Amino acid sequence: MVYRKTIHLKMTHLRYIALFVVLMMVAGMAEHKSATLQFIVIKDENGKPVRNAEIVLHGVDKHGKQRSDGLELKTHEDGKAEISGIPFGKIRVQVIAHGLRTFGEDYDINQATHAITIKMQKPQEQYTIYK
């Protein structure tokens, strides 16, 4: 009788260990549901970095509409900026820099790290009838 109780306790103990291992694996997989985005903002004409460019990130719903929540970051002197913890899914990236055309594009975030290079262009010449 004592032998059966010992086996039963060992089996129960093994079940708890197996449950713990499964839960840790699930937690590890859930960890990869966010991404790190690495931005490089350069001028299209000469490839020089754009410093202090404002990068605005917005989530995008399944209908392509921009969500109201958003994040902002600025590029460093080397034109680079990085942010972590961005959830997987579609995001809208807008970049604004003084003297350059505003950039905007949607990206599908589906892996742990994304490197995004943005080439900023000069503004187009504006036409007026008053010249």
C-alpha atoms as a PDB file:
ATOM      1  CA  MET A   1       0.000   0.000   0.000  1.00  0.00           C
ATOM      2  CA  VAL A   2       2.852   2.388   0.833  1.00  0.00           C
ATOM      3  CA  TYR A   3       4.500   1.525  -2.479  1.00  0.00           C
ATOM      4  CA  ARG A   4       1.337   2.559  -4.405  1.00  0.00           C
ATOM      5  CA  LYS A   5       1.130   5.906  -2.562  1.00  0.00           C
ATOM      6  CA  THR A   6       4.774   6.623  -3.368  1.00  0.00           C
ATOM      7  CA  ILE A   7       4.210   5.901  -7.058  1.00  0.00           C
ATOM      8  CA  HIS A   8       1.042   8.024  -7.027  1.00  0.00           C
ATOM      9  CA  LEU A   9       2.935  10.939  -5.403  1.00  0.00           C
ATOM     10  CA  LYS A  10       5.766  10.639  -7.946  1.00  0.00           C
ATOM     11  CA  MET A  11       3.290  10.628 -10.836  1.00  0.00           C
ATOM     12  CA  THR A  12       1.494  13.667  -9.426  1.00  0.00           C
ATOM     13  CA  HIS A  13       4.843  15.408  -9.006  1.00  0.00           C
ATOM     14  CA  LEU A  14       5.780  14.616 -12.632  1.00  0.00           C
ATOM     15  CA  ARG A  15       2.439  15.995 -13.826  1.00  0.00           C
ATOM     16  CA  TYR A  16       3.096  19.283 -12.053  1.00  0.00           C
ATOM     17  CA  ILE A  17       6.567  19.495 -13.572  1.00  0.00           C
ATOM     18  CA  ALA A  18       5.160  18.784 -17.054  1.00  0.00           C
ATOM     19  CA  LEU A  19       2.470  21.441 -16.559  1.00  0.00           C
ATOM     20  CA  PHE A  20       5.108  23.929 -15.448  1.00  0.00           C
ATOM     21  CA  VAL A  21       7.255  23.209 -18.517  1.00  0.00           C
ATOM     22  CA  VAL A  22       4.262  23.626 -20.854  1.00  0.00           C
ATOM     23  CA  LEU A  23       3.314  26.936 -19.214  1.00  0.00           C
ATOM     24  CA  MET A  24       6.885  28.225 -19.563  1.00  0.00           C
ATOM     25  CA  MET A  25       6.898  27.288 -23.257  1.00  0.00           C
ATOM     26  CA  VAL A  26       3.603  29.123 -23.829  1.00  0.00           C
ATOM     27  CA  ALA A  27       4.933  32.168 -21.975  1.00  0.00           C
ATOM     28  CA  GLY A  28       8.074  32.076 -24.121  1.00  0.00           C
ATOM     29  CA  MET A  29       6.050  32.020 -27.326  1.00  0.00           C
ATOM     30  CA  ALA A  30       3.840  34.874 -26.144  1.00  0.00           C
ATOM     31  CA  GLU A  31       6.964  36.954 -25.557  1.00  0.00           C
ATOM     32  CA  HIS A  32       7.613  37.200 -29.312  1.00  0.00           C
ATOM     33  CA  LYS A  33       4.341  38.985 -30.023  1.00  0.00           C
ATOM     34  CA  SER A  34       6.109  42.342 -29.924  1.00  0.00           C
ATOM     35  CA  ALA A  35       8.859  43.719 -32.103  1.00  0.00           C
ATOM     36  CA  THR A  36      11.817  46.067 -32.075  1.00  0.00           C
ATOM     37  CA  LEU A  37      11.810  48.622 -34.888  1.00  0.00           C
ATOM     38  CA  GLN A  38      15.076  50.169 -36.069  1.00  0.00           C
ATOM     39  CA  PHE A  39      14.712  53.256 -38.247  1.00  0.00           C
ATOM     40  CA  ILE A  40      17.315  54.930 -40.436  1.00  0.00           C
ATOM     41  CA  VAL A  41      16.185  58.220 -41.972  1.00  0.00           C
ATOM     42  CA  ILE A  42      18.339  59.562 -44.818  1.00  0.00           C
ATOM     43  CA  LYS A  43      18.064  62.162 -47.561  1.00  0.00           C
ATOM     44  CA  ASP A  44      17.196  60.577 -50.895  1.00  0.00           C
ATOM     45  CA  GLU A  45      19.436  62.900 -52.909  1.00  0.00           C
ATOM     46  CA  ASN A  46      22.737  62.250 -51.112  1.00  0.00           C
ATOM     47  CA  GLY A  47      22.211  59.513 -48.488  1.00  0.00           C
ATOM     48  CA  LYS A  48      23.111  61.783 -45.566  1.00  0.00           C
ATOM     49  CA  PRO A  49      21.352  61.108 -42.252  1.00  0.00           C
ATOM     50  CA  VAL A  50      18.432  63.309 -41.215  1.00  0.00           C
ATOM     51  CA  ARG A  51      18.750  64.297 -37.573  1.00  0.00           C
ATOM     52  CA  ASN A  52      15.799  65.288 -35.377  1.00  0.00           C
ATOM     53  CA  ALA A  53      13.287  63.829 -37.806  1.00  0.00           C
ATOM     54  CA  GLU A  54      10.019  63.077 -36.029  1.00  0.00           C
ATOM     55  CA  ILE A  55       8.784  59.512 -36.464  1.00  0.00           C
ATOM     56  CA  VAL A  56       5.112  58.966 -35.604  1.00  0.00           C
ATOM     57  CA  LEU A  57       3.746  55.421 -35.248  1.00  0.00           C
ATOM     58  CA  HIS A  58       0.035  54.556 -35.269  1.00  0.00           C
ATOM     59  CA  GLY A  59      -1.655  51.190 -35.186  1.00  0.00           C
ATOM     60  CA  VAL A  60      -3.890  50.379 -38.156  1.00  0.00           C
ATOM     61  CA  ASP A  61      -7.087  48.323 -37.807  1.00  0.00           C
ATOM     62  CA  LYS A  62      -8.237  45.600 -40.199  1.00  0.00           C
ATOM     63  CA  HIS A  63     -10.156  48.178 -42.264  1.00  0.00           C
ATOM     64  CA  GLY A  64      -7.039  50.293 -42.842  1.00  0.00           C
ATOM     65  CA  LYS A  65      -8.105  53.040 -40.448  1.00  0.00           C
ATOM     66  CA  GLN A  66      -5.563  54.636 -38.177  1.00  0.00           C
ATOM     67  CA  ARG A  67      -6.087  54.076 -34.457  1.00  0.00           C
ATOM     68  CA  SER A  68      -6.052  57.068 -32.151  1.00  0.00           C
ATOM     69  CA  ASP A  69      -3.167  55.823 -30.010  1.00  0.00           C
ATOM     70  CA  GLY A  70       0.284  56.685 -31.266  1.00  0.00           C
ATOM     71  CA  LEU A  71       3.956  56.946 -30.384  1.00  0.00           C
ATOM     72  CA  GLU A  72       6.513  59.569 -31.332  1.00  0.00           C
ATOM     73  CA  LEU A  73      10.278  59.400 -31.449  1.00  0.00           C
ATOM     74  CA  LYS A  74      13.101  61.488 -32.907  1.00  0.00           C
ATOM     75  CA  THR A  75      16.167  60.455 -34.836  1.00  0.00           C
ATOM     76  CA  HIS A  76      19.648  60.994 -33.438  1.00  0.00           C
ATOM     77  CA  GLU A  77      22.464  62.783 -35.257  1.00  0.00           C
ATOM     78  CA  ASP A  78      23.204  59.605 -37.222  1.00  0.00           C
ATOM     79  CA  GLY A  79      19.594  59.501 -38.489  1.00  0.00           C
ATOM     80  CA  LYS A  80      18.780  56.407 -36.409  1.00  0.00           C
ATOM     81  CA  ALA A  81      15.996  55.722 -33.925  1.00  0.00           C
ATOM     82  CA  GLU A  82      14.854  52.522 -32.246  1.00  0.00           C
ATOM     83  CA  ILE A  83      11.791  51.459 -30.289  1.00  0.00           C
ATOM     84  CA  SER A  84      10.871  48.138 -28.657  1.00  0.00           C
ATOM     85  CA  GLY A  85       7.611  46.590 -27.574  1.00  0.00           C
ATOM     86  CA  ILE A  86       5.647  47.321 -30.742  1.00  0.00           C
ATOM     87  CA  PRO A  87       2.847  44.720 -31.042  1.00  0.00           C
ATOM     88  CA  PHE A  88       2.619  42.566 -34.162  1.00  0.00           C
ATOM     89  CA  GLY A  89       0.191  43.791 -36.810  1.00  0.00           C
ATOM     90  CA  LYS A  90      -0.089  46.750 -39.166  1.00  0.00           C
ATOM     91  CA  ILE A  91       1.373  50.104 -38.227  1.00  0.00           C
ATOM     92  CA  ARG A  92       1.426  53.430 -40.031  1.00  0.00           C
ATOM     93  CA  VAL A  93       4.774  55.226 -40.033  1.00  0.00           C
ATOM     94  CA  GLN A  94       4.897  58.953 -40.698  1.00  0.00           C
ATOM     95  CA  VAL A  95       8.152  60.895 -40.759  1.00  0.00           C
ATOM     96  CA  ILE A  96       8.329  64.686 -40.605  1.00  0.00           C
ATOM     97  CA  ALA A  97      11.579  66.632 -41.058  1.00  0.00           C
ATOM     98  CA  HIS A  98      12.212  70.329 -41.584  1.00  0.00           C
ATOM     99  CA  GLY A  99      12.700  71.220 -45.258  1.00  0.00           C
ATOM    100  CA  LEU A 100      11.774  67.745 -46.534  1.00  0.00           C
ATOM    101  CA  ARG A 101       8.606  66.130 -47.830  1.00  0.00           C
ATOM    102  CA  THR A 102       6.535  64.244 -45.240  1.00  0.00           C
ATOM    103  CA  PHE A 103       6.831  60.466 -45.565  1.00  0.00           C
ATOM    104  CA  GLY A 104       4.029  57.997 -44.829  1.00  0.00           C
ATOM    105  CA  GLU A 105       3.664  54.271 -45.332  1.00  0.00           C
ATOM    106  CA  ASP A 106       2.011  51.239 -43.685  1.00  0.00           C
ATOM    107  CA  TYR A 107       4.113  48.266 -42.564  1.00  0.00           C
ATOM    108  CA  ASP A 108       3.113  44.764 -41.500  1.00  0.00           C
ATOM    109  CA  ILE A 109       5.034  43.898 -38.339  1.00  0.00           C
ATOM    110  CA  ASN A 110       5.324  40.109 -38.166  1.00  0.00           C
ATOM    111  CA  GLN A 111       8.822  39.350 -36.855  1.00  0.00           C
ATOM    112  CA  ALA A 112      10.810  40.243 -33.742  1.00  0.00           C
ATOM    113  CA  THR A 113      13.119  42.800 -35.412  1.00  0.00           C
ATOM    114  CA  HIS A 114      12.465  45.153 -38.326  1.00  0.00           C
ATOM    115  CA  ALA A 115      15.025  47.490 -39.903  1.00  0.00           C
ATOM    116  CA  ILE A 116      13.292  50.260 -41.844  1.00  0.00           C
ATOM    117  CA  THR A 117      15.198  52.698 -44.058  1.00  0.00           C
ATOM    118  CA  ILE A 118      13.300  55.844 -44.983  1.00  0.00           C
ATOM    119  CA  LYS A 119      14.499  58.072 -47.813  1.00  0.00           C
ATOM    120  CA  MET A 120      13.248  61.624 -47.424  1.00  0.00           C
ATOM    121  CA  GLN A 121      12.806  63.740 -50.542  1.00  0.00           C
ATOM    122  CA  LYS A 122      12.928  67.459 -51.166  1.00  0.00           C
ATOM    123  CA  PRO A 123       9.524  69.096 -51.496  1.00  0.00           C
ATOM    124  CA  GLN A 124       8.174  69.436 -54.997  1.00  0.00           C
ATOM    125  CA  GLU A 125       8.027  72.847 -56.572  1.00  0.00           C
ATOM    126  CA  GLN A 126       4.702  74.501 -55.987  1.00  0.00           C
ATOM    127  CA  TYR A 127       2.885  76.188 -58.831  1.00  0.00           C
ATOM    128  CA  THR A 128       0.816  79.305 -58.478  1.00  0.00           C
ATOM    129  CA  ILE A 129      -1.109  81.567 -60.781  1.00  0.00           C
ATOM    130  CA  TYR A 130       0.132  84.618 -58.856  1.00  0.00           C
ATOM    131  CA  LYS A 131       3.746  84.614 -60.104  1.00  0.00           C
END
